[in-house]
């Protein structure tokens, strides 16, 4: 659903809670900043407004998403594929339209591969135009500052994550 202003710059975002313990979270009701939603940010950006030289997805930088104007209303993400085999799960998405065209990106593709209940592999693939001003990419996996300690957990004589 579309909720003007309440939306977040979070295309290709994810949360991860191994065994119910939140490890990678989102911004919740925090400021509308892409990096707080576990998505990629790029630098240098010719249109960065609040975190120079970095810029994330369209509409970020305020208490409310700036959803009116420019390319923001047309920005989307797309789930490309999702599949499951046993305990493993694979999801991939494309989010290039969630970024300003001024960065001249061709693809911002993310793969999430859940290997087991406690291991998530994140793979990002970025393509850009030859004349793109962008030369750096960054990912920040937001954590609620909960101390996460690895303690192997055995259930039915089989390791089943961490507590």
N, C-alpha and C. Protein backbone atom coordinates (compact mmCIF):
# COMPACT_ATOMS: atom_id res chain seq x y z
N UNK A 1 0.84 -1.19 0.00
CA UNK A 1 0.00 0.00 0.00
C UNK A 1 0.88 1.24 0.00
N UNK A 2 0.34 2.32 -0.54
CA UNK A 2 1.08 3.58 -0.59
C UNK A 2 0.55 4.50 0.49
N UNK A 3 1.42 4.97 1.33
CA UNK A 3 1.07 5.82 2.46
C UNK A 3 1.93 7.07 2.37
N UNK A 4 1.51 8.10 1.63
CA UNK A 4 2.36 9.26 1.38
C UNK A 4 3.04 9.79 2.63
N UNK A 5 4.32 9.99 2.52
CA UNK A 5 5.10 10.53 3.64
C UNK A 5 5.54 9.48 4.63
N UNK A 6 4.73 8.45 4.83
CA UNK A 6 5.09 7.41 5.79
C UNK A 6 5.98 6.34 5.17
N UNK A 7 6.08 6.34 3.87
CA UNK A 7 6.93 5.38 3.18
C UNK A 7 8.40 5.61 3.56
N UNK A 8 9.22 4.64 3.29
CA UNK A 8 10.65 4.74 3.57
C UNK A 8 11.45 4.52 2.29
N UNK A 9 12.65 5.08 2.20
CA UNK A 9 13.53 4.79 1.07
C UNK A 9 14.17 3.42 1.30
N UNK A 10 13.42 2.37 0.98
CA UNK A 10 13.85 1.03 1.42
C UNK A 10 13.66 -0.08 0.38
N UNK A 11 13.76 0.25 -0.90
CA UNK A 11 13.65 -0.79 -1.92
C UNK A 11 14.88 -1.70 -1.86
N UNK A 12 14.66 -2.99 -1.84
CA UNK A 12 15.69 -4.03 -1.67
C UNK A 12 16.16 -4.14 -0.22
N UNK A 13 15.38 -3.62 0.72
CA UNK A 13 15.76 -3.72 2.13
C UNK A 13 15.35 -5.08 2.69
N UNK A 14 15.84 -5.38 3.87
CA UNK A 14 15.49 -6.63 4.54
C UNK A 14 15.69 -6.46 6.03
N UNK A 15 15.07 -7.33 6.79
CA UNK A 15 15.37 -7.48 8.21
C UNK A 15 15.76 -8.94 8.43
N UNK A 16 16.55 -9.18 9.44
CA UNK A 16 17.02 -10.54 9.70
C UNK A 16 16.97 -10.79 11.20
N UNK A 17 16.23 -11.83 11.60
CA UNK A 17 16.07 -12.16 13.01
C UNK A 17 16.32 -13.65 13.22
N UNK A 18 17.59 -14.06 13.28
CA UNK A 18 17.86 -15.48 13.51
C UNK A 18 17.31 -15.93 14.86
N UNK A 19 16.54 -17.00 14.82
CA UNK A 19 15.89 -17.55 16.02
C UNK A 19 15.08 -16.51 16.78
N UNK A 20 14.48 -15.57 16.06
CA UNK A 20 13.62 -14.57 16.67
C UNK A 20 14.33 -13.38 17.27
N UNK A 21 15.65 -13.38 17.29
CA UNK A 21 16.43 -12.26 17.84
C UNK A 21 16.78 -11.30 16.71
N UNK A 22 16.24 -10.10 16.77
CA UNK A 22 16.49 -9.13 15.70
C UNK A 22 17.98 -8.80 15.66
N UNK A 23 18.58 -9.03 14.51
CA UNK A 23 20.01 -8.77 14.33
C UNK A 23 20.23 -7.64 13.33
N UNK A 24 19.57 -7.68 12.21
CA UNK A 24 19.58 -6.58 11.24
C UNK A 24 18.16 -6.05 11.19
N UNK A 25 17.98 -4.79 11.57
CA UNK A 25 16.63 -4.23 11.64
C UNK A 25 16.48 -3.11 10.63
N UNK A 26 15.44 -2.33 10.79
CA UNK A 26 15.20 -1.18 9.93
C UNK A 26 15.12 0.06 10.79
N UNK A 27 14.86 1.20 10.18
CA UNK A 27 14.86 2.47 10.89
C UNK A 27 13.63 2.67 11.77
N UNK A 28 12.63 1.84 11.62
CA UNK A 28 11.38 1.98 12.35
C UNK A 28 10.82 3.37 12.10
N UNK A 29 10.66 4.18 13.15
CA UNK A 29 10.10 5.52 12.96
C UNK A 29 11.18 6.59 12.92
N UNK A 30 12.39 6.20 12.63
CA UNK A 30 13.50 7.14 12.55
C UNK A 30 13.41 7.99 11.30
N UNK A 31 14.42 8.81 11.09
CA UNK A 31 14.44 9.67 9.90
C UNK A 31 14.47 8.83 8.63
N UNK A 32 13.99 9.40 7.56
CA UNK A 32 13.91 8.70 6.27
C UNK A 32 15.27 8.74 5.57
N UNK A 33 16.17 7.89 6.03
CA UNK A 33 17.51 7.78 5.45
C UNK A 33 17.71 6.37 4.92
N UNK A 34 18.18 6.26 3.71
CA UNK A 34 18.34 4.95 3.07
C UNK A 34 19.23 4.01 3.88
N UNK A 35 20.36 4.51 4.38
CA UNK A 35 21.29 3.60 5.05
C UNK A 35 20.70 3.00 6.33
N UNK A 36 19.68 3.62 6.90
CA UNK A 36 19.03 3.05 8.08
C UNK A 36 18.06 1.94 7.71
N UNK A 37 17.87 1.73 6.41
CA UNK A 37 16.97 0.69 5.93
C UNK A 37 17.73 -0.41 5.20
N UNK A 38 19.04 -0.49 5.41
CA UNK A 38 19.86 -1.59 4.90
C UNK A 38 19.91 -1.66 3.38
N UNK A 39 19.87 -0.51 2.73
CA UNK A 39 20.00 -0.48 1.27
C UNK A 39 21.29 0.24 0.90
N UNK A 40 21.66 0.14 -0.35
CA UNK A 40 22.92 0.72 -0.80
C UNK A 40 22.85 2.24 -0.94
N UNK A 41 23.96 2.89 -0.62
CA UNK A 41 24.13 4.32 -0.88
C UNK A 41 25.37 4.48 -1.74
N UNK A 42 25.39 5.57 -2.52
CA UNK A 42 26.45 5.77 -3.50
C UNK A 42 27.11 7.14 -3.33
N UNK A 43 28.37 7.24 -3.77
CA UNK A 43 29.10 8.51 -3.72
C UNK A 43 30.10 8.56 -4.86
N UNK A 44 30.53 9.74 -5.23
CA UNK A 44 29.86 11.01 -4.90
C UNK A 44 28.61 11.16 -5.75
N UNK A 45 27.62 11.79 -5.19
CA UNK A 45 26.39 11.99 -5.93
C UNK A 45 26.20 13.47 -6.23
N UNK A 46 25.82 13.80 -7.45
CA UNK A 46 25.62 15.20 -7.80
C UNK A 46 24.36 15.80 -7.17
N UNK A 47 23.51 14.96 -6.58
CA UNK A 47 22.25 15.48 -6.03
C UNK A 47 22.09 15.18 -4.54
N UNK A 48 23.16 14.79 -3.86
CA UNK A 48 23.08 14.47 -2.44
C UNK A 48 22.56 15.67 -1.66
N UNK A 49 21.62 15.43 -0.74
CA UNK A 49 21.01 16.53 0.00
C UNK A 49 21.27 16.52 1.50
N UNK A 50 21.65 15.37 2.07
CA UNK A 50 21.76 15.35 3.53
C UNK A 50 22.93 14.54 4.08
N UNK A 51 23.59 13.79 3.28
CA UNK A 51 24.64 12.92 3.79
C UNK A 51 25.83 12.94 2.83
N UNK A 52 26.19 14.13 2.39
CA UNK A 52 27.22 14.28 1.35
C UNK A 52 28.54 13.65 1.77
N UNK A 53 29.21 12.99 0.88
CA UNK A 53 28.94 12.89 -0.56
C UNK A 53 27.99 11.74 -0.92
N UNK A 54 27.47 11.05 0.10
CA UNK A 54 26.63 9.87 -0.12
C UNK A 54 25.20 10.25 -0.46
N UNK A 55 24.57 9.40 -1.26
CA UNK A 55 23.14 9.54 -1.52
C UNK A 55 22.52 8.17 -1.65
N UNK A 56 21.35 8.05 -1.07
CA UNK A 56 20.61 6.80 -1.15
C UNK A 56 19.45 6.92 -2.12
N UNK A 57 18.32 6.40 -1.70
CA UNK A 57 17.17 6.34 -2.59
C UNK A 57 16.39 7.65 -2.60
N UNK A 58 15.61 7.80 -3.65
CA UNK A 58 14.82 9.01 -3.87
C UNK A 58 13.90 9.29 -2.69
N UNK A 59 13.79 10.55 -2.30
CA UNK A 59 12.87 10.98 -1.26
C UNK A 59 13.42 10.98 0.15
N UNK A 60 14.68 10.56 0.33
CA UNK A 60 15.23 10.50 1.68
C UNK A 60 15.57 11.89 2.21
N UNK A 61 16.01 11.96 3.45
CA UNK A 61 16.58 13.16 4.08
C UNK A 61 15.64 13.95 4.98
N UNK A 62 14.45 13.53 5.22
CA UNK A 62 13.55 14.32 6.06
C UNK A 62 12.80 13.40 7.03
N UNK A 63 12.02 14.01 7.91
CA UNK A 63 11.20 13.22 8.83
C UNK A 63 10.14 12.45 8.05
N UNK A 64 9.65 13.06 6.96
CA UNK A 64 8.65 12.43 6.09
C UNK A 64 9.26 12.24 4.72
N UNK A 65 8.96 11.14 4.09
CA UNK A 65 9.49 10.88 2.75
C UNK A 65 9.01 11.96 1.79
N UNK A 66 9.94 12.51 1.04
CA UNK A 66 9.60 13.55 0.06
C UNK A 66 9.08 12.87 -1.20
N UNK A 67 7.81 12.51 -1.18
CA UNK A 67 7.25 11.68 -2.25
C UNK A 67 6.71 12.47 -3.43
N UNK A 68 6.62 13.79 -3.29
CA UNK A 68 6.12 14.62 -4.39
C UNK A 68 7.32 15.20 -5.14
N UNK A 69 7.26 15.13 -6.44
CA UNK A 69 8.27 15.79 -7.24
C UNK A 69 9.26 14.85 -7.88
N UNK A 70 9.73 15.28 -9.00
CA UNK A 70 10.78 14.55 -9.71
C UNK A 70 10.45 13.10 -9.95
N UNK A 71 11.43 12.26 -9.72
CA UNK A 71 11.31 10.84 -10.01
C UNK A 71 10.74 10.02 -8.85
N UNK A 72 10.53 10.64 -7.70
CA UNK A 72 10.17 9.89 -6.50
C UNK A 72 8.89 9.09 -6.67
N UNK A 73 7.88 9.68 -7.26
CA UNK A 73 6.60 8.98 -7.42
C UNK A 73 6.68 7.74 -8.28
N UNK A 74 7.68 7.66 -9.13
CA UNK A 74 7.83 6.49 -10.00
C UNK A 74 8.85 5.49 -9.48
N UNK A 75 9.43 5.76 -8.32
CA UNK A 75 10.48 4.87 -7.82
C UNK A 75 9.86 3.61 -7.22
N UNK A 76 10.41 2.48 -7.59
CA UNK A 76 9.91 1.20 -7.10
C UNK A 76 11.07 0.22 -6.99
N UNK A 77 10.79 -0.87 -6.36
CA UNK A 77 11.68 -2.01 -6.36
C UNK A 77 10.88 -3.17 -6.92
N UNK A 78 11.57 -4.20 -7.34
CA UNK A 78 10.87 -5.34 -7.94
C UNK A 78 11.52 -6.63 -7.45
N UNK A 79 10.70 -7.54 -6.95
CA UNK A 79 11.21 -8.86 -6.62
C UNK A 79 11.33 -9.63 -7.92
N UNK A 80 12.53 -10.07 -8.23
CA UNK A 80 12.80 -10.78 -9.48
C UNK A 80 12.45 -12.25 -9.34
N UNK A 81 12.91 -12.86 -8.26
CA UNK A 81 12.62 -14.28 -8.05
C UNK A 81 12.66 -14.59 -6.56
N UNK A 82 11.93 -15.60 -6.18
CA UNK A 82 11.94 -16.11 -4.81
C UNK A 82 11.71 -17.61 -4.88
N UNK A 83 12.54 -18.36 -4.17
CA UNK A 83 12.36 -19.81 -4.17
C UNK A 83 12.89 -20.38 -2.86
N UNK A 84 12.45 -21.59 -2.57
CA UNK A 84 12.86 -22.26 -1.35
C UNK A 84 13.17 -23.71 -1.66
N UNK A 85 14.22 -24.23 -1.05
CA UNK A 85 14.59 -25.63 -1.17
C UNK A 85 15.03 -26.10 0.21
N UNK A 86 14.21 -26.90 0.84
CA UNK A 86 14.52 -27.33 2.21
C UNK A 86 14.56 -26.14 3.14
N UNK A 87 15.65 -26.01 3.89
CA UNK A 87 15.80 -24.89 4.83
C UNK A 87 16.36 -23.64 4.16
N UNK A 88 16.78 -23.77 2.90
CA UNK A 88 17.38 -22.62 2.22
C UNK A 88 16.31 -21.82 1.47
N UNK A 89 16.53 -20.50 1.44
CA UNK A 89 15.62 -19.62 0.72
C UNK A 89 16.43 -18.63 -0.10
N UNK A 90 15.96 -18.34 -1.30
CA UNK A 90 16.63 -17.42 -2.23
C UNK A 90 15.64 -16.35 -2.66
N UNK A 91 16.03 -15.08 -2.53
CA UNK A 91 15.21 -13.96 -2.99
C UNK A 91 16.13 -12.98 -3.69
N UNK A 92 15.68 -12.43 -4.82
CA UNK A 92 16.47 -11.40 -5.49
C UNK A 92 15.56 -10.26 -5.92
N UNK A 93 16.14 -9.06 -5.95
CA UNK A 93 15.36 -7.89 -6.32
C UNK A 93 16.18 -6.86 -7.06
N UNK A 94 15.49 -6.03 -7.83
CA UNK A 94 16.10 -4.94 -8.59
C UNK A 94 15.50 -3.63 -8.08
N UNK A 95 16.36 -2.64 -7.80
CA UNK A 95 15.89 -1.38 -7.22
C UNK A 95 16.45 -0.16 -7.92
N UNK A 96 16.93 -0.28 -9.15
CA UNK A 96 17.58 0.85 -9.81
C UNK A 96 16.66 2.06 -9.93
N UNK A 97 15.36 1.85 -10.12
CA UNK A 97 14.46 3.00 -10.29
C UNK A 97 14.21 3.76 -8.98
N UNK A 98 14.69 3.24 -7.86
CA UNK A 98 14.56 3.93 -6.58
C UNK A 98 15.67 4.96 -6.36
N UNK A 99 16.61 5.04 -7.30
CA UNK A 99 17.73 5.98 -7.21
C UNK A 99 17.61 7.03 -8.30
N UNK A 100 18.14 8.21 -8.04
CA UNK A 100 18.08 9.29 -9.01
C UNK A 100 18.80 8.91 -10.31
N UNK A 101 18.22 9.32 -11.41
CA UNK A 101 18.84 9.04 -12.71
C UNK A 101 20.15 9.81 -12.88
N UNK A 102 20.37 10.85 -12.06
CA UNK A 102 21.62 11.63 -12.13
C UNK A 102 22.84 10.78 -11.77
N UNK A 103 22.64 9.68 -11.05
CA UNK A 103 23.76 8.80 -10.71
C UNK A 103 24.13 7.88 -11.88
N UNK A 104 23.26 7.79 -12.86
CA UNK A 104 23.49 6.98 -14.07
C UNK A 104 23.81 5.52 -13.73
N UNK A 105 22.95 4.95 -12.90
CA UNK A 105 23.05 3.53 -12.55
C UNK A 105 22.22 2.72 -13.53
N UNK A 106 22.70 1.54 -13.90
CA UNK A 106 21.95 0.66 -14.79
C UNK A 106 21.24 -0.45 -14.02
N UNK A 107 21.83 -0.88 -12.91
CA UNK A 107 21.24 -1.96 -12.12
C UNK A 107 21.71 -1.88 -10.67
N UNK A 108 20.78 -2.07 -9.75
CA UNK A 108 21.09 -2.21 -8.33
C UNK A 108 20.36 -3.48 -7.89
N UNK A 109 21.04 -4.58 -8.01
CA UNK A 109 20.46 -5.91 -7.85
C UNK A 109 20.96 -6.53 -6.55
N UNK A 110 20.04 -7.05 -5.75
CA UNK A 110 20.42 -7.65 -4.46
C UNK A 110 19.89 -9.08 -4.39
N UNK A 111 20.74 -9.96 -3.88
CA UNK A 111 20.38 -11.35 -3.63
C UNK A 111 20.47 -11.61 -2.14
N UNK A 112 19.45 -12.24 -1.59
CA UNK A 112 19.47 -12.72 -0.22
C UNK A 112 19.38 -14.24 -0.27
N UNK A 113 20.34 -14.92 0.32
CA UNK A 113 20.34 -16.37 0.36
C UNK A 113 20.41 -16.80 1.81
N UNK A 114 19.29 -17.31 2.31
CA UNK A 114 19.24 -17.82 3.67
C UNK A 114 19.73 -19.26 3.64
N UNK A 115 20.93 -19.47 4.15
CA UNK A 115 21.55 -20.80 4.09
C UNK A 115 21.01 -21.73 5.17
N UNK A 116 20.74 -21.17 6.34
CA UNK A 116 20.10 -21.89 7.44
C UNK A 116 19.50 -20.85 8.37
N UNK A 117 18.97 -21.26 9.49
CA UNK A 117 18.24 -20.33 10.36
C UNK A 117 19.10 -19.21 10.92
N UNK A 118 20.41 -19.31 10.84
CA UNK A 118 21.26 -18.26 11.41
C UNK A 118 22.25 -17.66 10.43
N UNK A 119 22.22 -18.07 9.18
CA UNK A 119 23.20 -17.58 8.22
C UNK A 119 22.52 -17.01 6.98
N UNK A 120 22.67 -15.70 6.81
CA UNK A 120 22.11 -15.01 5.65
C UNK A 120 23.26 -14.45 4.84
N UNK A 121 23.31 -14.79 3.56
CA UNK A 121 24.31 -14.27 2.65
C UNK A 121 23.66 -13.17 1.81
N UNK A 122 24.28 -11.99 1.81
CA UNK A 122 23.77 -10.86 1.03
C UNK A 122 24.78 -10.57 -0.07
N UNK A 123 24.32 -10.56 -1.31
CA UNK A 123 25.19 -10.27 -2.45
C UNK A 123 24.57 -9.12 -3.23
N UNK A 124 25.32 -8.04 -3.40
CA UNK A 124 24.86 -6.89 -4.18
C UNK A 124 25.64 -6.82 -5.48
N UNK A 125 24.93 -6.54 -6.55
CA UNK A 125 25.55 -6.38 -7.87
C UNK A 125 25.09 -5.04 -8.43
N UNK A 126 26.04 -4.17 -8.74
CA UNK A 126 25.73 -2.83 -9.24
C UNK A 126 26.36 -2.65 -10.61
N UNK A 127 25.58 -2.11 -11.53
CA UNK A 127 26.10 -1.73 -12.84
C UNK A 127 25.79 -0.26 -13.05
N UNK A 128 26.71 0.45 -13.71
CA UNK A 128 26.52 1.88 -13.96
C UNK A 128 26.92 2.22 -15.38
N UNK A 129 26.45 3.37 -15.83
CA UNK A 129 26.84 3.88 -17.15
C UNK A 129 28.31 4.29 -17.09
N UNK A 130 28.97 4.30 -18.24
CA UNK A 130 30.39 4.68 -18.27
C UNK A 130 30.64 6.08 -17.75
N UNK A 131 29.69 6.99 -17.98
CA UNK A 131 29.87 8.38 -17.54
C UNK A 131 29.21 8.67 -16.19
N UNK A 132 28.95 7.64 -15.41
CA UNK A 132 28.36 7.82 -14.08
C UNK A 132 29.34 8.56 -13.17
N UNK A 133 28.85 9.52 -12.37
CA UNK A 133 29.72 10.21 -11.43
C UNK A 133 30.05 9.36 -10.19
N UNK A 134 29.36 8.26 -10.02
CA UNK A 134 29.50 7.41 -8.84
C UNK A 134 30.75 6.53 -8.96
N UNK A 135 31.54 6.48 -7.87
CA UNK A 135 32.68 5.57 -7.85
C UNK A 135 32.79 4.77 -6.56
N UNK A 136 31.82 4.95 -5.64
CA UNK A 136 31.83 4.22 -4.37
C UNK A 136 30.42 3.78 -4.01
N UNK A 137 30.34 2.64 -3.34
CA UNK A 137 29.06 2.13 -2.86
C UNK A 137 29.27 1.67 -1.42
N UNK A 138 28.23 1.80 -0.61
CA UNK A 138 28.35 1.40 0.79
C UNK A 138 27.05 0.75 1.25
N UNK A 139 27.20 -0.23 2.13
CA UNK A 139 26.05 -0.88 2.76
C UNK A 139 26.26 -0.82 4.26
N UNK A 140 25.24 -0.42 4.97
CA UNK A 140 25.28 -0.37 6.43
C UNK A 140 24.12 -1.22 6.92
N UNK A 141 24.42 -2.29 7.64
CA UNK A 141 23.35 -3.14 8.14
C UNK A 141 22.97 -2.66 9.54
N UNK A 142 21.83 -2.02 9.61
CA UNK A 142 21.33 -1.37 10.82
C UNK A 142 21.03 -2.40 11.90
N UNK A 143 21.52 -2.14 13.10
CA UNK A 143 21.31 -3.02 14.23
C UNK A 143 20.71 -2.19 15.35
N UNK A 144 19.86 -2.78 16.14
CA UNK A 144 19.22 -2.06 17.25
C UNK A 144 20.14 -1.93 18.46
N UNK A 145 21.44 -2.12 18.24
CA UNK A 145 22.43 -2.05 19.31
C UNK A 145 22.19 -3.09 20.39
N UNK A 146 21.66 -4.23 19.98
CA UNK A 146 21.51 -5.35 20.90
C UNK A 146 22.78 -6.18 20.80
N UNK A 147 23.34 -6.51 21.94
CA UNK A 147 24.56 -7.31 21.96
C UNK A 147 24.21 -8.72 21.47
N UNK A 148 24.76 -9.10 20.35
CA UNK A 148 24.46 -10.39 19.75
C UNK A 148 25.65 -11.31 19.96
N UNK A 149 25.48 -12.30 20.78
CA UNK A 149 26.56 -13.24 21.07
C UNK A 149 26.20 -14.59 20.47
N UNK A 150 27.18 -15.20 19.86
CA UNK A 150 26.96 -16.51 19.26
C UNK A 150 27.04 -17.59 20.32
N UNK A 151 25.93 -18.26 20.54
CA UNK A 151 25.88 -19.41 21.43
C UNK A 151 25.18 -20.51 20.65
N UNK A 152 25.90 -21.54 20.25
CA UNK A 152 25.27 -22.60 19.46
C UNK A 152 24.07 -23.18 20.18
N UNK A 153 23.02 -23.43 19.45
CA UNK A 153 21.78 -23.96 20.00
C UNK A 153 21.50 -25.31 19.36
N UNK A 154 21.36 -26.33 20.20
CA UNK A 154 21.12 -27.68 19.70
C UNK A 154 19.68 -28.08 20.02
N UNK A 155 18.98 -28.60 19.03
CA UNK A 155 17.62 -29.07 19.21
C UNK A 155 17.49 -30.39 18.48
N UNK A 156 17.01 -31.40 19.17
CA UNK A 156 16.89 -32.74 18.58
C UNK A 156 18.23 -33.21 18.01
N UNK A 157 19.28 -32.98 18.79
CA UNK A 157 20.64 -33.42 18.44
C UNK A 157 21.16 -32.81 17.13
N UNK A 158 20.65 -31.63 16.79
CA UNK A 158 21.08 -30.95 15.56
C UNK A 158 21.26 -29.47 15.87
N UNK A 159 22.35 -28.88 15.39
CA UNK A 159 22.54 -27.45 15.58
C UNK A 159 21.47 -26.70 14.80
N UNK A 160 20.86 -25.74 15.48
CA UNK A 160 19.72 -25.05 14.90
C UNK A 160 19.80 -23.55 15.14
N UNK A 161 20.95 -22.96 14.95
CA UNK A 161 21.05 -21.51 15.10
C UNK A 161 21.77 -21.07 16.34
N UNK A 162 21.55 -19.83 16.71
CA UNK A 162 22.20 -19.23 17.87
C UNK A 162 21.14 -18.62 18.76
N UNK A 163 21.46 -18.51 20.03
CA UNK A 163 20.54 -17.88 20.98
C UNK A 163 21.18 -16.63 21.53
